[in-house]
PDB file of all heavy atoms in Angstrom:
ATOM      1  N   LYS A   1     197.639  58.552 114.409  1.00  0.00           N
ATOM      2  CA  LYS A   1     196.391  58.798 113.952  1.00  0.00           C
ATOM      3  C   LYS A   1     195.410  59.458 114.995  1.00  0.00           C
ATOM      4  O   LYS A   1     195.318  58.829 116.147  1.00  0.00           O
ATOM      5  CB  LYS A   1     195.622  57.587 113.243  1.00  0.00           C
ATOM      6  CG  LYS A   1     194.450  57.867 112.577  1.00  0.00           C
ATOM      7  CD  LYS A   1     193.729  56.596 112.039  1.00  0.00           C
ATOM      8  CE  LYS A   1     192.408  56.795 111.347  1.00  0.00           C
ATOM      9  NZ  LYS A   1     191.826  55.468 110.933  1.00  0.00           N
ATOM     10  N   PHE A   2     194.986  60.607 114.750  1.00  0.00           N
ATOM     11  CA  PHE A   2     194.077  61.410 115.622  1.00  0.00           C
ATOM     12  C   PHE A   2     192.739  61.487 115.033  1.00  0.00           C
ATOM     13  O   PHE A   2     192.570  62.187 114.037  1.00  0.00           O
ATOM     14  CB  PHE A   2     194.818  62.779 116.003  1.00  0.00           C
ATOM     15  CG  PHE A   2     193.988  63.535 116.997  1.00  0.00           C
ATOM     16  CD1 PHE A   2     193.780  63.108 118.258  1.00  0.00           C
ATOM     17  CD2 PHE A   2     193.456  64.677 116.670  1.00  0.00           C
ATOM     18  CE1 PHE A   2     193.146  64.004 119.214  1.00  0.00           C
ATOM     19  CE2 PHE A   2     192.781  65.451 117.471  1.00  0.00           C
ATOM     20  CZ  PHE A   2     192.693  65.051 118.840  1.00  0.00           C
ATOM     21  N   PHE A   3     191.718  60.850 115.506  1.00  0.00           N
ATOM     22  CA  PHE A   3     190.326  60.733 114.837  1.00  0.00           C
ATOM     23  C   PHE A   3     189.254  60.715 115.901  1.00  0.00           C
ATOM     24  O   PHE A   3     189.550  60.400 117.053  1.00  0.00           O
ATOM     25  CB  PHE A   3     190.420  59.536 113.933  1.00  0.00           C
ATOM     26  CG  PHE A   3     190.569  58.195 114.628  1.00  0.00           C
ATOM     27  CD1 PHE A   3     189.465  57.424 114.964  1.00  0.00           C
ATOM     28  CD2 PHE A   3     191.863  57.827 115.055  1.00  0.00           C
ATOM     29  CE1 PHE A   3     189.577  56.160 115.599  1.00  0.00           C
ATOM     30  CE2 PHE A   3     191.956  56.534 115.731  1.00  0.00           C
ATOM     31  CZ  PHE A   3     190.896  55.797 116.081  1.00  0.00           C
ATOM     32  N   SER A   4     188.131  60.733 115.300  1.00  0.00           N
ATOM     33  CA  SER A   4     186.803  60.790 116.169  1.00  0.00           C
ATOM     34  C   SER A   4     186.525  59.328 116.311  1.00  0.00           C
ATOM     35  O   SER A   4     186.626  58.455 115.380  1.00  0.00           O
ATOM     36  CB  SER A   4     185.717  61.590 115.501  1.00  0.00           C
ATOM     37  OG  SER A   4     186.111  62.920 115.332  1.00  0.00           O
ATOM     38  N   SER A   5     185.889  59.086 117.425  1.00  0.00           N
ATOM     39  CA  SER A   5     185.440  57.666 117.755  1.00  0.00           C
ATOM     40  C   SER A   5     184.135  57.351 116.962  1.00  0.00           C
ATOM     41  O   SER A   5     183.323  58.299 116.784  1.00  0.00           O
ATOM     42  CB  SER A   5     185.146  57.472 119.295  1.00  0.00           C
ATOM     43  OG  SER A   5     184.470  56.305 119.540  1.00  0.00           O
ATOM     44  N   PRO A   6     183.878  56.136 116.598  1.00  0.00           N
ATOM     45  CA  PRO A   6     182.687  55.685 115.913  1.00  0.00           C
ATOM     46  C   PRO A   6     181.440  55.903 116.721  1.00  0.00           C
ATOM     47  O   PRO A   6     180.299  56.004 116.274  1.00  0.00           O
ATOM     48  CB  PRO A   6     182.949  54.311 115.438  1.00  0.00           C
ATOM     49  CG  PRO A   6     184.429  54.076 115.434  1.00  0.00           C
ATOM     50  CD  PRO A   6     184.812  55.084 116.508  1.00  0.00           C
ATOM     51  N   ILE A   7     181.656  55.930 118.090  1.00  0.00           N
ATOM     52  CA  ILE A   7     180.483  56.046 118.997  1.00  0.00           C
ATOM     53  C   ILE A   7     179.855  57.285 118.954  1.00  0.00           C
ATOM     54  O   ILE A   7     178.704  57.493 118.921  1.00  0.00           O
ATOM     55  CB  ILE A   7     181.022  55.552 120.315  1.00  0.00           C
ATOM     56  CG1 ILE A   7     181.511  54.210 120.535  1.00  0.00           C
ATOM     57  CG2 ILE A   7     179.884  55.746 121.401  1.00  0.00           C
ATOM     58  CD1 ILE A   7     182.099  53.852 121.834  1.00  0.00           C
ATOM     59  N   SER A   8     180.780  58.350 119.033  1.00  0.00           N
ATOM     60  CA  SER A   8     180.300  59.848 118.992  1.00  0.00           C
ATOM     61  C   SER A   8     181.429  60.705 118.250  1.00  0.00           C
ATOM     62  O   SER A   8     182.580  60.523 118.587  1.00  0.00           O
ATOM     63  CB  SER A   8     179.999  60.296 120.397  1.00  0.00           C
ATOM     64  OG  SER A   8     179.508  61.585 120.321  1.00  0.00           O
ATOM     65  N   PHE A   9     180.866  61.624 117.685  1.00  0.00           N
ATOM     66  CA  PHE A   9     181.803  62.580 116.911  1.00  0.00           C
ATOM     67  C   PHE A   9     182.721  63.298 117.806  1.00  0.00           C
ATOM     68  O   PHE A   9     183.885  63.706 117.447  1.00  0.00           O
ATOM     69  CB  PHE A   9     180.937  63.446 115.951  1.00  0.00           C
ATOM     70  CG  PHE A   9     181.892  64.334 115.214  1.00  0.00           C
ATOM     71  CD1 PHE A   9     182.542  63.786 114.016  1.00  0.00           C
ATOM     72  CD2 PHE A   9     181.918  65.609 115.414  1.00  0.00           C
ATOM     73  CE1 PHE A   9     183.283  64.620 113.202  1.00  0.00           C
ATOM     74  CE2 PHE A   9     182.667  66.463 114.679  1.00  0.00           C
ATOM     75  CZ  PHE A   9     183.437  65.963 113.566  1.00  0.00           C
ATOM     76  N   ASN A  10     182.133  63.592 119.144  1.00  0.00           N
ATOM     77  CA  ASN A  10     182.883  64.426 119.795  1.00  0.00           C
ATOM     78  C   ASN A  10     183.982  63.727 120.665  1.00  0.00           C
ATOM     79  O   ASN A  10     184.815  64.373 121.394  1.00  0.00           O
ATOM     80  CB  ASN A  10     182.077  65.353 120.871  1.00  0.00           C
ATOM     81  CG  ASN A  10     181.469  64.374 121.806  1.00  0.00           C
ATOM     82  OD1 ASN A  10     180.646  63.542 121.444  1.00  0.00           O
ATOM     83  ND2 ASN A  10     181.755  64.501 123.101  1.00  0.00           N
ATOM     84  N   LEU A  11     184.030  62.511 120.677  1.00  0.00           N
ATOM     85  CA  LEU A  11     184.947  61.593 121.381  1.00  0.00           C
ATOM     86  C   LEU A  11     186.182  61.409 120.512  1.00  0.00           C
ATOM     87  O   LEU A  11     186.211  60.837 119.487  1.00  0.00           O
ATOM     88  CB  LEU A  11     184.404  60.321 121.851  1.00  0.00           C
ATOM     89  CG  LEU A  11     183.098  60.398 122.661  1.00  0.00           C
ATOM     90  CD1 LEU A  11     182.618  59.046 122.953  1.00  0.00           C
ATOM     91  CD2 LEU A  11     183.415  61.191 123.959  1.00  0.00           C
ATOM     92  N   MET A  12     187.422  61.959 121.015  1.00  0.00           N
ATOM     93  CA  MET A  12     188.688  61.841 120.191  1.00  0.00           C
ATOM     94  C   MET A  12     189.415  60.517 120.522  1.00  0.00           C
ATOM     95  O   MET A  12     189.645  60.352 121.789  1.00  0.00           O
ATOM     96  CB  MET A  12     189.506  63.152 120.339  1.00  0.00           C
ATOM     97  CG  MET A  12     188.650  64.315 119.952  1.00  0.00           C
ATOM     98  SD  MET A  12     187.899  64.249 118.356  1.00  0.00           S
ATOM     99  CE  MET A  12     189.248  64.077 117.292  1.00  0.00           C
ATOM    100  N   MET A  13     189.992  59.886 119.578  1.00  0.00           N
ATOM    101  CA  MET A  13     190.790  58.653 119.843  1.00  0.00           C
ATOM    102  C   MET A  13     192.203  58.894 119.302  1.00  0.00           C
ATOM    103  O   MET A  13     192.437  59.761 118.480  1.00  0.00           O
ATOM    104  CB  MET A  13     190.175  57.558 119.138  1.00  0.00           C
ATOM    105  CG  MET A  13     188.808  57.140 119.472  1.00  0.00           C
ATOM    106  SD  MET A  13     188.569  56.551 121.089  1.00  0.00           S
ATOM    107  CE  MET A  13     189.540  55.048 120.937  1.00  0.00           C
ATOM    108  N   LEU A  14     193.193  58.149 119.837  1.00  0.00           N
ATOM    109  CA  LEU A  14     194.531  58.199 119.461  1.00  0.00           C
ATOM    110  C   LEU A  14     194.944  56.804 118.920  1.00  0.00           C
ATOM    111  O   LEU A  14     194.744  55.744 119.759  1.00  0.00           O
ATOM    112  CB  LEU A  14     195.468  58.647 120.462  1.00  0.00           C
ATOM    113  CG  LEU A  14     197.032  58.779 120.125  1.00  0.00           C
ATOM    114  CD1 LEU A  14     197.231  59.797 119.017  1.00  0.00           C
ATOM    115  CD2 LEU A  14     197.833  58.940 121.358  1.00  0.00           C
ATOM    116  N   GLU A  15     195.685  56.662 117.879  1.00  0.00           N
ATOM    117  CA  GLU A  15     196.173  55.354 117.358  1.00  0.00           C
ATOM    118  C   GLU A  15     197.641  55.452 116.989  1.00  0.00           C
ATOM    119  O   GLU A  15     197.882  56.255 116.156  1.00  0.00           O
ATOM    120  CB  GLU A  15     195.460  54.771 116.214  1.00  0.00           C
ATOM    121  CG  GLU A  15     195.756  53.503 115.636  1.00  0.00           C
ATOM    122  CD  GLU A  15     195.044  53.076 114.414  1.00  0.00           C
ATOM    123  OE1 GLU A  15     193.787  52.766 114.560  1.00  0.00           O
ATOM    124  OE2 GLU A  15     195.602  53.090 113.286  1.00  0.00           O
ATOM    125  N   VAL A  16     198.527  54.629 117.528  1.00  0.00           N
ATOM    126  CA  VAL A  16     199.947  54.656 117.140  1.00  0.00           C
ATOM    127  C   VAL A  16     200.148  53.211 116.520  1.00  0.00           C
ATOM    128  O   VAL A  16     199.888  52.244 117.232  1.00  0.00           O
ATOM    129  CB  VAL A  16     200.779  54.747 118.432  1.00  0.00           C
ATOM    130  CG1 VAL A  16     202.241  54.714 118.005  1.00  0.00           C
ATOM    131  CG2 VAL A  16     200.606  56.068 119.057  1.00  0.00           C
ATOM    132  N   SER A  17     200.572  53.153 115.209  1.00  0.00           N
ATOM    133  CA  SER A  17     200.802  51.903 114.559  1.00  0.00           C
ATOM    134  C   SER A  17     202.063  51.851 113.836  1.00  0.00           C
ATOM    135  O   SER A  17     202.674  52.841 113.639  1.00  0.00           O
ATOM    136  CB  SER A  17     199.564  51.646 113.656  1.00  0.00           C
ATOM    137  OG  SER A  17     199.551  52.653 112.703  1.00  0.00           O
ATOM    138  N   ASN A  18     202.583  50.794 113.610  1.00  0.00           N
ATOM    139  CA  ASN A  18     203.863  50.496 112.792  1.00  0.00           C
ATOM    140  C   ASN A  18     203.449  50.059 111.437  1.00  0.00           C
ATOM    141  O   ASN A  18     203.034  48.807 111.432  1.00  0.00           O
ATOM    142  CB  ASN A  18     204.664  49.508 113.612  1.00  0.00           C
ATOM    143  CG  ASN A  18     205.989  49.331 112.838  1.00  0.00           C
ATOM    144  OD1 ASN A  18     206.332  50.005 111.841  1.00  0.00           O
ATOM    145  ND2 ASN A  18     206.873  48.320 113.226  1.00  0.00           N
ATOM    146  N   LEU A  19     203.520  50.813 110.433  1.00  0.00           N
ATOM    147  CA  LEU A  19     203.168  50.342 109.070  1.00  0.00           C
ATOM    148  C   LEU A  19     204.369  49.977 108.315  1.00  0.00           C
ATOM    149  O   LEU A  19     204.259  49.734 106.996  1.00  0.00           O
ATOM    150  CB  LEU A  19     202.544  51.566 108.361  1.00  0.00           C
ATOM    151  CG  LEU A  19     201.264  52.179 109.108  1.00  0.00           C
ATOM    152  CD1 LEU A  19     200.757  53.428 108.327  1.00  0.00           C
ATOM    153  CD2 LEU A  19     200.173  51.083 109.296  1.00  0.00           C
ATOM    154  N   GLY A  20     205.510  49.881 108.835  1.00  0.00           N
ATOM    155  CA  GLY A  20     206.774  49.490 108.026  1.00  0.00           C
ATOM    156  C   GLY A  20     206.965  48.034 107.974  1.00  0.00           C
ATOM    157  O   GLY A  20     206.158  47.251 108.345  1.00  0.00           O
ATOM    158  N   LYS A  21     208.214  47.733 107.501  1.00  0.00           N
ATOM    159  CA  LYS A  21     208.506  46.294 107.265  1.00  0.00           C
ATOM    160  C   LYS A  21     209.482  45.654 108.499  1.00  0.00           C
ATOM    161  O   LYS A  21     209.766  44.598 108.341  1.00  0.00           O
ATOM    162  CB  LYS A  21     209.223  46.094 106.054  1.00  0.00           C
ATOM    163  CG  LYS A  21     208.493  46.652 104.823  1.00  0.00           C
ATOM    164  CD  LYS A  21     209.250  46.500 103.549  1.00  0.00           C
ATOM    165  CE  LYS A  21     208.433  46.903 102.164  1.00  0.00           C
ATOM    166  NZ  LYS A  21     209.277  46.795 101.068  1.00  0.00           N
ATOM    167  N   GLY A  22     209.620  46.548 109.437  1.00  0.00           N
ATOM    168  CA  GLY A  22     210.506  46.071 110.489  1.00  0.00           C
ATOM    169  C   GLY A  22     209.984  46.516 111.966  1.00  0.00           C
ATOM    170  O   GLY A  22     209.186  47.318 112.037  1.00  0.00           O
ATOM    171  N   ILE A  23     210.579  45.973 112.941  1.00  0.00           N
ATOM    172  CA  ILE A  23     210.286  46.353 114.215  1.00  0.00           C
ATOM    173  C   ILE A  23     210.761  47.746 114.622  1.00  0.00           C
ATOM    174  O   ILE A  23     211.925  47.984 114.332  1.00  0.00           O
ATOM    175  CB  ILE A  23     210.812  45.258 115.245  1.00  0.00           C
ATOM    176  CG1 ILE A  23     210.229  43.855 114.984  1.00  0.00           C
ATOM    177  CG2 ILE A  23     210.499  45.574 116.622  1.00  0.00           C
ATOM    178  CD1 ILE A  23     210.789  42.730 115.753  1.00  0.00           C
ATOM    179  N   ALA A  24     209.937  48.545 115.255  1.00  0.00           N
ATOM    180  CA  ALA A  24     210.421  49.798 115.767  1.00  0.00           C
ATOM    181  C   ALA A  24     210.781  49.719 117.213  1.00  0.00           C
ATOM    182  O   ALA A  24     209.988  49.239 118.036  1.00  0.00           O
ATOM    183  CB  ALA A  24     209.252  50.898 115.561  1.00  0.00           C
ATOM    184  N   ARG A  25     211.929  50.340 117.597  1.00  0.00           N
ATOM    185  CA  ARG A  25     212.284  50.300 118.992  1.00  0.00           C
ATOM    186  C   ARG A  25     212.590  51.755 119.462  1.00  0.00           C
ATOM    187  O   ARG A  25     212.823  52.572 118.651  1.00  0.00           O
ATOM    188  CB  ARG A  25     213.577  49.501 119.054  1.00  0.00           C
ATOM    189  CG  ARG A  25     213.420  47.982 118.778  1.00  0.00           C
ATOM    190  CD  ARG A  25     214.622  47.136 118.882  1.00  0.00           C
ATOM    191  NE  ARG A  25     214.461  45.738 118.745  1.00  0.00           N
ATOM    192  CZ  ARG A  25     215.396  44.805 118.774  1.00  0.00           C
ATOM    193  NH1 ARG A  25     216.588  45.149 119.050  1.00  0.00           N
ATOM    194  NH2 ARG A  25     215.058  43.552 118.669  1.00  0.00           N
ATOM    195  N   ASN A  26     212.609  51.926 120.824  1.00  0.00           N
ATOM    196  CA  ASN A  26     212.876  53.104 121.416  1.00  0.00           C
ATOM    197  C   ASN A  26     211.838  54.277 120.888  1.00  0.00           C
ATOM    198  O   ASN A  26     212.413  55.233 120.460  1.00  0.00           O
ATOM    199  CB  ASN A  26     214.220  53.484 121.359  1.00  0.00           C
ATOM    200  CG  ASN A  26     215.163  52.485 122.117  1.00  0.00           C
ATOM    201  OD1 ASN A  26     214.711  51.936 123.159  1.00  0.00           O
ATOM    202  ND2 ASN A  26     216.306  52.218 121.498  1.00  0.00           N
ATOM    203  N   VAL A  27     210.618  53.939 120.752  1.00  0.00           N
ATOM    204  CA  VAL A  27     209.686  54.974 120.154  1.00  0.00           C
ATOM    205  C   VAL A  27     209.464  56.050 121.229  1.00  0.00           C
ATOM    206  O   VAL A  27     209.094  55.897 122.363  1.00  0.00           O
ATOM    207  CB  VAL A  27     208.368  54.247 119.745  1.00  0.00           C
ATOM    208  CG1 VAL A  27     207.473  55.287 119.134  1.00  0.00           C
ATOM    209  CG2 VAL A  27     208.632  53.235 118.811  1.00  0.00           C
ATOM    210  N   ARG A  28     209.593  57.379 120.792  1.00  0.00           N
ATOM    211  CA  ARG A  28     209.533  58.481 121.708  1.00  0.00           C
ATOM    212  C   ARG A  28     208.720  59.589 120.952  1.00  0.00           C
ATOM    213  O   ARG A  28     208.826  59.669 119.790  1.00  0.00           O
ATOM    214  CB  ARG A  28     210.926  59.005 122.217  1.00  0.00           C
ATOM    215  CG  ARG A  28     211.719  58.060 122.932  1.00  0.00           C
ATOM    216  CD  ARG A  28     211.182  57.685 124.279  1.00  0.00           C
ATOM    217  NE  ARG A  28     212.009  56.892 125.118  1.00  0.00           N
ATOM    218  CZ  ARG A  28     211.839  55.590 125.136  1.00  0.00           C
ATOM    219  NH1 ARG A  28     210.855  55.020 124.375  1.00  0.00           N
ATOM    220  NH2 ARG A  28     212.597  54.828 125.909  1.00  0.00           N
ATOM    221  N   PHE A  29     207.997  60.314 121.892  1.00  0.00           N
ATOM    222  CA  PHE A  29     207.254  61.471 121.399  1.00  0.00           C
ATOM    223  C   PHE A  29     207.463  62.719 122.151  1.00  0.00           C
ATOM    224  O   PHE A  29     207.764  62.766 123.341  1.00  0.00           O
ATOM    225  CB  PHE A  29     205.630  61.057 121.580  1.00  0.00           C
ATOM    226  CG  PHE A  29     205.291  59.772 120.998  1.00  0.00           C
ATOM    227  CD1 PHE A  29     205.250  58.601 121.706  1.00  0.00           C
ATOM    228  CD2 PHE A  29     204.963  59.559 119.686  1.00  0.00           C
ATOM    229  CE1 PHE A  29     204.814  57.420 121.326  1.00  0.00           C
ATOM    230  CE2 PHE A  29     204.658  58.469 119.061  1.00  0.00           C
ATOM    231  CZ  PHE A  29     204.425  57.369 119.937  1.00  0.00           C
ATOM    232  N   LYS A  30     207.499  63.791 121.288  1.00  0.00           N
ATOM    233  CA  LYS A  30     207.767  65.121 121.797  1.00  0.00           C
ATOM    234  C   LYS A  30     206.701  66.132 121.259  1.00  0.00           C
ATOM    235  O   LYS A  30     206.268  65.817 120.005  1.00  0.00           O
ATOM    236  CB  LYS A  30     209.137  65.567 121.613  1.00  0.00           C
ATOM    237  CG  LYS A  30     210.228  64.788 122.571  1.00  0.00           C
ATOM    238  CD  LYS A  30     211.592  65.482 122.359  1.00  0.00           C
ATOM    239  CE  LYS A  30     212.578  64.680 123.267  1.00  0.00           C
ATOM    240  NZ  LYS A  30     214.004  65.336 123.051  1.00  0.00           N
ATOM    241  N   PHE A  31     206.367  67.199 121.904  1.00  0.00           N
ATOM    242  CA  PHE A  31     205.395  68.028 121.493  1.00  0.00           C
ATOM    243  C   PHE A  31     206.141  69.508 121.387  1.00  0.00           C
ATOM    244  O   PHE A  31     206.883  69.892 122.313  1.00  0.00           O
ATOM    245  CB  PHE A  31     204.117  68.169 122.533  1.00  0.00           C
ATOM    246  CG  PHE A  31     203.427  66.830 122.655  1.00  0.00           C
ATOM    247  CD1 PHE A  31     204.003  65.882 123.507  1.00  0.00           C
ATOM    248  CD2 PHE A  31     202.288  66.593 121.963  1.00  0.00           C
ATOM    249  CE1 PHE A  31     203.306  64.748 123.752  1.00  0.00           C
ATOM    250  CE2 PHE A  31     201.559  65.433 122.136  1.00  0.00           C
ATOM    251  CZ  PHE A  31     202.170  64.430 122.902  1.00  0.00           C
ATOM    252  N   TYR A  32     205.715  70.143 120.321  1.00  0.00           N
ATOM    253  CA  TYR A  32     206.240  71.574 119.895  1.00  0.00           C
ATOM    254  C   TYR A  32     205.093  72.414 119.615  1.00  0.00           C
ATOM    255  O   TYR A  32     204.181  71.968 118.875  1.00  0.00           O
ATOM    256  CB  TYR A  32     207.341  71.413 118.796  1.00  0.00           C
ATOM    257  CG  TYR A  32     208.457  70.473 119.254  1.00  0.00           C
ATOM    258  CD1 TYR A  32     208.566  69.166 118.803  1.00  0.00           C
ATOM    259  CD2 TYR A  32     209.626  71.025 119.729  1.00  0.00           C
ATOM    260  CE1 TYR A  32     209.508  68.363 119.180  1.00  0.00           C
ATOM    261  CE2 TYR A  32     210.703  70.247 120.133  1.00  0.00           C
ATOM    262  CZ  TYR A  32     210.717  68.936 119.834  1.00  0.00           C
ATOM    263  OH  TYR A  32     211.687  68.107 120.063  1.00  0.00           O
ATOM    264  N   ASP A  33     205.377  73.839 119.831  1.00  0.00           N
ATOM    265  CA  ASP A  33     204.438  74.717 119.434  1.00  0.00           C
ATOM    266  C   ASP A  33     204.686  75.162 118.107  1.00  0.00           C
ATOM    267  O   ASP A  33     205.483  74.766 117.254  1.00  0.00           O
ATOM    268  CB  ASP A  33     204.390  75.949 120.418  1.00  0.00           C
ATOM    269  CG  ASP A  33     205.802  76.606 120.595  1.00  0.00           C
ATOM    270  OD1 ASP A  33     206.614  76.242 119.769  1.00  0.00           O
ATOM    271  OD2 ASP A  33     205.995  77.196 121.697  1.00  0.00           O
ATOM    272  N   ARG A  34     204.046  76.346 117.673  1.00  0.00           N
ATOM    273  CA  ARG A  34     204.301  76.815 116.283  1.00  0.00           C
ATOM    274  C   ARG A  34     205.641  77.407 116.074  1.00  0.00           C
ATOM    275  O   ARG A  34     206.146  77.272 115.058  1.00  0.00           O
ATOM    276  CB  ARG A  34     203.297  78.132 116.124  1.00  0.00           C
ATOM    277  CG  ARG A  34     201.860  77.732 116.094  1.00  0.00           C
ATOM    278  CD  ARG A  34     201.081  78.791 116.003  1.00  0.00           C
ATOM    279  NE  ARG A  34     199.636  78.653 115.994  1.00  0.00           N
ATOM    280  CZ  ARG A  34     198.852  78.387 115.013  1.00  0.00           C
ATOM    281  NH1 ARG A  34     199.302  78.341 113.797  1.00  0.00           N
ATOM    282  NH2 ARG A  34     197.546  78.132 115.194  1.00  0.00           N
ATOM    283  N   ASN A  35     206.323  77.788 117.184  1.00  0.00           N
ATOM    284  CA  ASN A  35     207.704  78.371 116.969  1.00  0.00           C
ATOM    285  C   ASN A  35     208.779  77.341 117.146  1.00  0.00           C
ATOM    286  O   ASN A  35     209.946  77.728 117.200  1.00  0.00           O
ATOM    287  CB  ASN A  35     207.936  79.462 117.970  1.00  0.00           C
ATOM    288  CG  ASN A  35     206.868  80.681 117.849  1.00  0.00           C
ATOM    289  OD1 ASN A  35     206.556  80.986 116.775  1.00  0.00           O
ATOM    290  ND2 ASN A  35     206.333  81.182 119.138  1.00  0.00           N
ATOM    291  N   GLY A  36     208.262  76.101 117.308  1.00  0.00           N
ATOM    292  CA  GLY A  36     209.380  75.031 117.472  1.00  0.00           C
ATOM    293  C   GLY A  36     209.835  74.840 118.949  1.00  0.00           C
ATOM    294  O   GLY A  36     210.852  74.009 119.078  1.00  0.00           O
ATOM    295  N   ASN A  37     209.295  75.493 119.956  1.00  0.00           N
ATOM    296  CA  ASN A  37     209.671  75.123 121.193  1.00  0.00           C
ATOM    297  C   ASN A  37     208.801  74.011 121.871  1.00  0.00           C
ATOM    298  O   ASN A  37     207.660  73.807 121.583  1.00  0.00           O
ATOM    299  CB  ASN A  37     209.289  76.471 122.084  1.00  0.00           C
ATOM    300  CG  ASN A  37     209.950  77.773 121.561  1.00  0.00           C
ATOM    301  OD1 ASN A  37     211.084  77.742 121.238  1.00  0.00           O
ATOM    302  ND2 ASN A  37     209.172  78.775 121.500  1.00  0.00           N
ATOM    303  N   GLU A  38     209.569  73.220 122.690  1.00  0.00           N
ATOM    304  CA  GLU A  38     209.067  71.973 123.179  1.00  0.00           C
ATOM    305  C   GLU A  38     208.009  72.310 124.265  1.00  0.00           C
ATOM    306  O   GLU A  38     208.180  73.290 125.067  1.00  0.00           O
ATOM    307  CB  GLU A  38     210.082  71.068 123.783  1.00  0.00           C
ATOM    308  CG  GLU A  38     209.631  69.747 124.231  1.00  0.00           C
ATOM    309  CD  GLU A  38     210.692  68.787 124.709  1.00  0.00           C
ATOM    310  OE1 GLU A  38     211.865  69.307 124.629  1.00  0.00           O
ATOM    311  OE2 GLU A  38     210.349  67.627 125.197  1.00  0.00           O
ATOM    312  N   ILE A  39     206.826  71.737 124.164  1.00  0.00           N
ATOM    313  CA  ILE A  39     205.842  71.892 125.182  1.00  0.00           C
ATOM    314  C   ILE A  39     205.997  70.838 126.400  1.00  0.00           C
ATOM    315  O   ILE A  39     205.959  69.550 126.010  1.00  0.00           O
ATOM    316  CB  ILE A  39     204.461  71.723 124.513  1.00  0.00           C
ATOM    317  CG1 ILE A  39     204.296  72.688 123.371  1.00  0.00           C
ATOM    318  CG2 ILE A  39     203.250  71.951 125.527  1.00  0.00           C
ATOM    319  CD1 ILE A  39     203.086  72.647 122.558  1.00  0.00           C
ATOM    320  N   LYS A  40     206.099  71.233 127.554  1.00  0.00           N
ATOM    321  CA  LYS A  40     206.298  70.433 128.650  1.00  0.00           C
ATOM    322  C   LYS A  40     204.844  70.242 129.295  1.00  0.00           C
ATOM    323  O   LYS A  40     203.873  70.817 128.977  1.00  0.00           O
ATOM    324  CB  LYS A  40     207.141  70.935 129.746  1.00  0.00           C
ATOM    325  CG  LYS A  40     208.570  71.402 129.144  1.00  0.00           C
ATOM    326  CD  LYS A  40     209.334  70.010 128.755  1.00  0.00           C
ATOM    327  CE  LYS A  40     210.739  70.359 128.306  1.00  0.00           C
ATOM    328  NZ  LYS A  40     211.462  69.031 128.084  1.00  0.00           N
ATOM    329  N   ALA A  41     204.736  69.334 130.208  1.00  0.00           N
ATOM    330  CA  ALA A  41     203.591  69.004 131.100  1.00  0.00           C
ATOM    331  C   ALA A  41     203.172  70.257 131.812  1.00  0.00           C
ATOM    332  O   ALA A  41     203.943  71.100 132.250  1.00  0.00           O
ATOM    333  CB  ALA A  41     203.860  67.903 132.021  1.00  0.00           C
TER     334      ALA A  41
END
C-alpha cells in the first residue's frame, strides 16, 4: 500500500501487509519500468 500520511498530504508512506490465511516466507521485491526492464539502484 502506497498512500499519504495522515499528518500531511505530501508525506508518502509505505505499508507491506499479509492479508492471507498463512505465513508468507522469502518475500522479495523487484522494480520494473514500462517496458518490463528491471530497475536497479
